[in-house]
N, C-alpha and C. Protein backbone atom coordinates (compact mmCIF):
# COMPACT_ATOMS: atom_id res chain seq x y z
N MET A 1 0.83 -1.17 0.00
CA MET A 1 0.00 0.00 0.00
C MET A 1 0.88 1.24 0.00
N GLN A 2 0.58 2.13 -0.89
CA GLN A 2 1.35 3.37 -1.01
C GLN A 2 0.77 4.44 -0.09
N THR A 3 1.69 5.31 0.38
CA THR A 3 1.23 6.44 1.18
C THR A 3 0.89 7.59 0.26
N LYS A 4 -0.10 8.30 0.64
CA LYS A 4 -0.55 9.42 -0.17
C LYS A 4 0.36 10.62 0.09
N ARG A 5 0.88 11.21 -0.95
CA ARG A 5 1.77 12.37 -0.81
C ARG A 5 0.96 13.65 -0.67
N ASP A 6 1.45 14.50 0.21
CA ASP A 6 0.80 15.80 0.40
C ASP A 6 1.66 16.85 -0.27
N TYR A 7 1.19 17.37 -1.38
CA TYR A 7 1.96 18.36 -2.13
C TYR A 7 1.73 19.79 -1.63
N HIS A 8 0.79 19.98 -0.75
CA HIS A 8 0.48 21.33 -0.26
C HIS A 8 1.28 21.68 1.00
N ARG A 9 1.65 20.71 1.75
CA ARG A 9 2.45 20.97 2.94
C ARG A 9 3.91 21.10 2.50
N GLN A 10 4.36 22.34 2.46
CA GLN A 10 5.70 22.58 1.94
C GLN A 10 6.63 22.91 3.11
N GLU A 11 7.46 21.99 3.39
CA GLU A 11 8.40 22.17 4.48
C GLU A 11 9.80 22.10 3.90
N PHE A 12 10.36 23.26 3.66
CA PHE A 12 11.68 23.31 3.05
C PHE A 12 12.72 23.59 4.12
N ARG A 13 13.61 22.68 4.29
CA ARG A 13 14.72 22.90 5.21
C ARG A 13 15.88 22.04 4.75
N ASN A 14 17.04 22.52 5.06
CA ASN A 14 18.24 21.80 4.65
C ASN A 14 18.59 20.79 5.74
N PRO A 15 18.64 19.53 5.43
CA PRO A 15 18.91 18.53 6.48
C PRO A 15 20.36 18.55 6.96
N PHE A 16 21.22 19.26 6.28
CA PHE A 16 22.63 19.30 6.68
C PHE A 16 22.91 20.35 7.75
N PHE A 17 21.98 21.29 7.95
CA PHE A 17 22.14 22.29 9.00
C PHE A 17 21.36 21.84 10.23
N ALA A 18 22.05 21.73 11.33
CA ALA A 18 21.39 21.30 12.56
C ALA A 18 20.50 22.41 13.09
N LYS A 19 19.50 22.03 13.84
CA LYS A 19 18.61 23.03 14.43
C LYS A 19 19.38 23.82 15.48
N ARG A 20 19.05 25.08 15.56
CA ARG A 20 19.72 25.92 16.56
C ARG A 20 19.17 25.58 17.94
N GLN A 21 20.05 25.52 18.86
CA GLN A 21 19.66 25.19 20.22
C GLN A 21 19.19 26.45 20.94
N ALA A 22 18.31 26.28 21.88
CA ALA A 22 17.82 27.42 22.68
C ALA A 22 18.95 27.99 23.53
N GLU A 23 19.94 27.19 23.83
CA GLU A 23 21.07 27.64 24.65
C GLU A 23 21.86 28.73 23.95
N GLY A 24 21.91 28.70 22.64
CA GLY A 24 22.65 29.71 21.89
C GLY A 24 22.08 31.10 22.06
N HIS A 25 20.79 31.19 22.34
CA HIS A 25 20.17 32.49 22.57
C HIS A 25 20.45 33.02 23.96
N ARG A 26 20.74 32.13 24.88
CA ARG A 26 21.03 32.56 26.25
C ARG A 26 22.45 33.05 26.42
N ARG A 27 23.33 32.62 25.57
CA ARG A 27 24.75 32.95 25.73
C ARG A 27 25.01 34.47 25.69
N PRO A 28 24.47 35.23 24.73
CA PRO A 28 24.70 36.68 24.76
C PRO A 28 24.11 37.34 26.01
N PHE A 29 22.95 36.85 26.46
CA PHE A 29 22.33 37.41 27.65
C PHE A 29 23.21 37.17 28.87
N ILE A 30 23.75 35.98 29.00
CA ILE A 30 24.62 35.66 30.13
C ILE A 30 25.90 36.49 30.07
N PHE A 31 26.44 36.68 28.87
CA PHE A 31 27.64 37.49 28.71
C PHE A 31 27.37 38.94 29.11
N ARG A 32 26.26 39.49 28.68
CA ARG A 32 25.92 40.88 29.04
C ARG A 32 25.69 41.02 30.54
N LEU A 33 25.00 40.06 31.11
CA LEU A 33 24.75 40.09 32.55
C LEU A 33 26.06 40.03 33.33
N ALA A 34 26.98 39.18 32.90
CA ALA A 34 28.28 39.09 33.56
C ALA A 34 29.06 40.39 33.41
N ALA A 35 28.98 41.03 32.25
CA ALA A 35 29.67 42.31 32.04
C ALA A 35 29.10 43.39 32.96
N VAL A 36 27.79 43.43 33.13
CA VAL A 36 27.17 44.41 34.02
C VAL A 36 27.59 44.16 35.47
N VAL A 37 27.61 42.90 35.87
CA VAL A 37 28.01 42.56 37.24
C VAL A 37 29.46 42.95 37.49
N VAL A 38 30.34 42.69 36.54
CA VAL A 38 31.75 43.06 36.69
C VAL A 38 31.90 44.58 36.75
N PHE A 39 31.15 45.31 35.91
CA PHE A 39 31.21 46.77 35.93
C PHE A 39 30.73 47.32 37.27
N LEU A 40 29.62 46.81 37.78
CA LEU A 40 29.11 47.27 39.07
C LEU A 40 30.08 46.94 40.20
N ALA A 41 30.70 45.79 40.14
CA ALA A 41 31.69 45.43 41.16
C ALA A 41 32.88 46.38 41.11
N PHE A 42 33.29 46.77 39.91
CA PHE A 42 34.40 47.72 39.76
C PHE A 42 34.03 49.09 40.33
N VAL A 43 32.82 49.57 40.06
CA VAL A 43 32.39 50.87 40.58
C VAL A 43 32.29 50.82 42.10
N ILE A 44 31.77 49.74 42.64
CA ILE A 44 31.69 49.61 44.11
C ILE A 44 33.09 49.57 44.72
N TRP A 45 34.00 48.88 44.05
CA TRP A 45 35.38 48.83 44.54
C TRP A 45 36.00 50.23 44.53
N LEU A 46 35.75 51.00 43.46
CA LEU A 46 36.27 52.38 43.41
C LEU A 46 35.70 53.21 44.55
N GLN A 47 34.42 53.03 44.82
CA GLN A 47 33.75 53.81 45.85
C GLN A 47 34.25 53.45 47.25
N ARG A 48 34.47 52.19 47.51
CA ARG A 48 34.82 51.73 48.86
C ARG A 48 36.31 51.70 49.14
N SER A 49 37.12 51.73 48.11
CA SER A 49 38.57 51.60 48.30
C SER A 49 39.12 52.82 49.03
N GLY A 50 39.93 52.56 50.04
CA GLY A 50 40.54 53.65 50.80
C GLY A 50 41.63 54.37 50.03
N THR A 51 42.11 53.77 48.96
CA THR A 51 43.17 54.38 48.16
C THR A 51 42.69 55.66 47.49
N PHE A 52 41.43 55.70 47.11
CA PHE A 52 40.91 56.83 46.35
C PHE A 52 40.08 57.80 47.20
N GLN A 53 40.15 57.68 48.52
CA GLN A 53 39.40 58.57 49.41
C GLN A 53 40.19 59.85 49.65
N ILE A 54 39.49 60.97 49.70
CA ILE A 54 40.13 62.25 50.02
C ILE A 54 40.31 62.30 51.54
N GLN A 55 41.57 62.44 51.98
CA GLN A 55 41.85 62.40 53.41
C GLN A 55 42.32 63.75 53.95
N THR A 56 43.11 64.48 53.17
CA THR A 56 43.60 65.78 53.64
C THR A 56 43.27 66.84 52.60
N ILE A 57 43.11 68.06 53.09
CA ILE A 57 42.82 69.20 52.22
C ILE A 57 43.96 70.19 52.37
N GLU A 58 44.60 70.52 51.26
CA GLU A 58 45.71 71.47 51.26
C GLU A 58 45.31 72.68 50.42
N VAL A 59 45.51 73.88 50.98
CA VAL A 59 45.18 75.11 50.25
C VAL A 59 46.48 75.84 49.97
N ARG A 60 46.67 76.20 48.68
CA ARG A 60 47.89 76.92 48.29
C ARG A 60 47.53 78.13 47.43
N GLY A 61 48.18 79.24 47.69
CA GLY A 61 48.13 80.41 46.83
C GLY A 61 46.80 81.12 46.72
N GLU A 62 46.03 81.23 47.78
CA GLU A 62 44.76 81.95 47.74
C GLU A 62 44.78 83.04 48.81
N PRO A 63 45.26 84.27 48.46
CA PRO A 63 45.38 85.32 49.48
C PRO A 63 44.06 86.01 49.81
N VAL A 64 43.08 85.99 48.90
CA VAL A 64 41.84 86.74 49.11
C VAL A 64 40.93 86.04 50.13
N VAL A 65 40.71 84.77 49.96
CA VAL A 65 39.83 84.02 50.85
C VAL A 65 40.69 83.25 51.84
N GLY A 66 40.25 83.20 53.08
CA GLY A 66 41.02 82.53 54.11
C GLY A 66 41.10 81.02 53.90
N GLU A 67 42.19 80.46 54.40
CA GLU A 67 42.41 79.02 54.23
C GLU A 67 41.34 78.21 54.96
N GLN A 68 40.96 78.65 56.14
CA GLN A 68 39.95 77.91 56.92
C GLN A 68 38.59 77.95 56.23
N GLU A 69 38.27 79.07 55.58
CA GLU A 69 36.99 79.17 54.85
C GLU A 69 36.92 78.15 53.72
N ILE A 70 38.00 78.03 52.99
CA ILE A 70 38.05 77.07 51.87
C ILE A 70 37.94 75.65 52.41
N LYS A 71 38.64 75.35 53.49
CA LYS A 71 38.56 74.01 54.08
C LYS A 71 37.15 73.69 54.56
N ASP A 72 36.46 74.70 55.12
CA ASP A 72 35.09 74.48 55.58
C ASP A 72 34.15 74.17 54.42
N VAL A 73 34.30 74.90 53.31
CA VAL A 73 33.45 74.67 52.13
C VAL A 73 33.71 73.28 51.56
N VAL A 74 34.97 72.91 51.45
CA VAL A 74 35.31 71.59 50.90
C VAL A 74 34.84 70.49 51.84
N SER A 75 35.01 70.67 53.14
CA SER A 75 34.55 69.66 54.10
C SER A 75 33.04 69.48 54.04
N GLN A 76 32.32 70.59 53.87
CA GLN A 76 30.87 70.52 53.74
C GLN A 76 30.48 69.75 52.47
N GLN A 77 31.19 70.00 51.40
CA GLN A 77 30.89 69.31 50.14
C GLN A 77 31.25 67.82 50.22
N LEU A 78 32.29 67.49 50.97
CA LEU A 78 32.68 66.08 51.12
C LEU A 78 31.59 65.26 51.80
N GLY A 79 30.77 65.90 52.60
CA GLY A 79 29.68 65.21 53.28
C GLY A 79 28.47 64.97 52.38
N GLN A 80 28.42 65.62 51.23
CA GLN A 80 27.27 65.48 50.33
C GLN A 80 27.45 64.29 49.40
N ARG A 81 26.38 63.98 48.69
CA ARG A 81 26.41 62.88 47.72
C ARG A 81 26.36 63.44 46.30
N ARG A 82 26.94 62.68 45.37
CA ARG A 82 26.92 63.07 43.96
C ARG A 82 26.00 62.10 43.24
N TRP A 83 25.07 62.63 42.48
CA TRP A 83 24.06 61.84 41.74
C TRP A 83 23.25 60.96 42.68
N LEU A 84 23.06 61.39 43.91
CA LEU A 84 22.27 60.72 44.95
C LEU A 84 22.81 59.35 45.35
N ILE A 85 23.92 58.93 44.80
CA ILE A 85 24.44 57.58 45.09
C ILE A 85 25.84 57.63 45.68
N PHE A 86 26.74 58.34 45.01
CA PHE A 86 28.16 58.27 45.33
C PHE A 86 28.56 59.34 46.33
N SER A 87 29.40 58.95 47.29
CA SER A 87 29.95 59.89 48.25
C SER A 87 31.03 60.72 47.57
N GLN A 88 31.08 62.00 47.90
CA GLN A 88 32.09 62.86 47.28
C GLN A 88 33.43 62.77 48.00
N ARG A 89 33.55 61.90 48.96
CA ARG A 89 34.85 61.67 49.59
C ARG A 89 35.79 60.94 48.65
N ASN A 90 35.25 60.35 47.61
CA ASN A 90 36.06 59.65 46.62
C ASN A 90 36.59 60.65 45.61
N ILE A 91 37.84 60.52 45.21
CA ILE A 91 38.47 61.48 44.31
C ILE A 91 37.84 61.47 42.91
N PHE A 92 37.27 60.32 42.50
CA PHE A 92 36.67 60.23 41.18
C PHE A 92 35.29 60.88 41.12
N PHE A 93 34.59 60.94 42.25
CA PHE A 93 33.23 61.47 42.27
C PHE A 93 33.13 62.86 42.89
N PHE A 94 34.26 63.47 43.23
CA PHE A 94 34.24 64.81 43.82
C PHE A 94 33.95 65.84 42.74
N ASN A 95 33.00 66.72 42.99
CA ASN A 95 32.60 67.74 42.03
C ASN A 95 33.49 68.96 42.21
N THR A 96 34.47 69.13 41.31
CA THR A 96 35.40 70.26 41.43
C THR A 96 34.78 71.56 40.94
N GLU A 97 33.78 71.48 40.09
CA GLU A 97 33.15 72.70 39.57
C GLU A 97 32.30 73.38 40.63
N LYS A 98 31.76 72.62 41.55
CA LYS A 98 30.89 73.17 42.58
C LYS A 98 31.67 73.91 43.66
N THR A 99 32.94 73.58 43.83
CA THR A 99 33.74 74.20 44.89
C THR A 99 34.30 75.52 44.48
């Protein structure tokens, strides 16, 4: 007994190419997620590292305004936050234009 051929169901695919696995779609997502985690860890390390913290304030060559006044303004700014997240005690996040 012969099987009846269906000429309307057209399924064209190359049998030599394997089907793509669902895992292949997850790989870029996992890579991006890992990159974001590494970047956030680096930023947190910059923020928390004692190497990049401002510890002393030195004033040079300002005869008009007193040295103590400048230190008070800078100390007040060191207590504030930049972009609502980062402490300005860090040398990378200190706003020099505001002082």
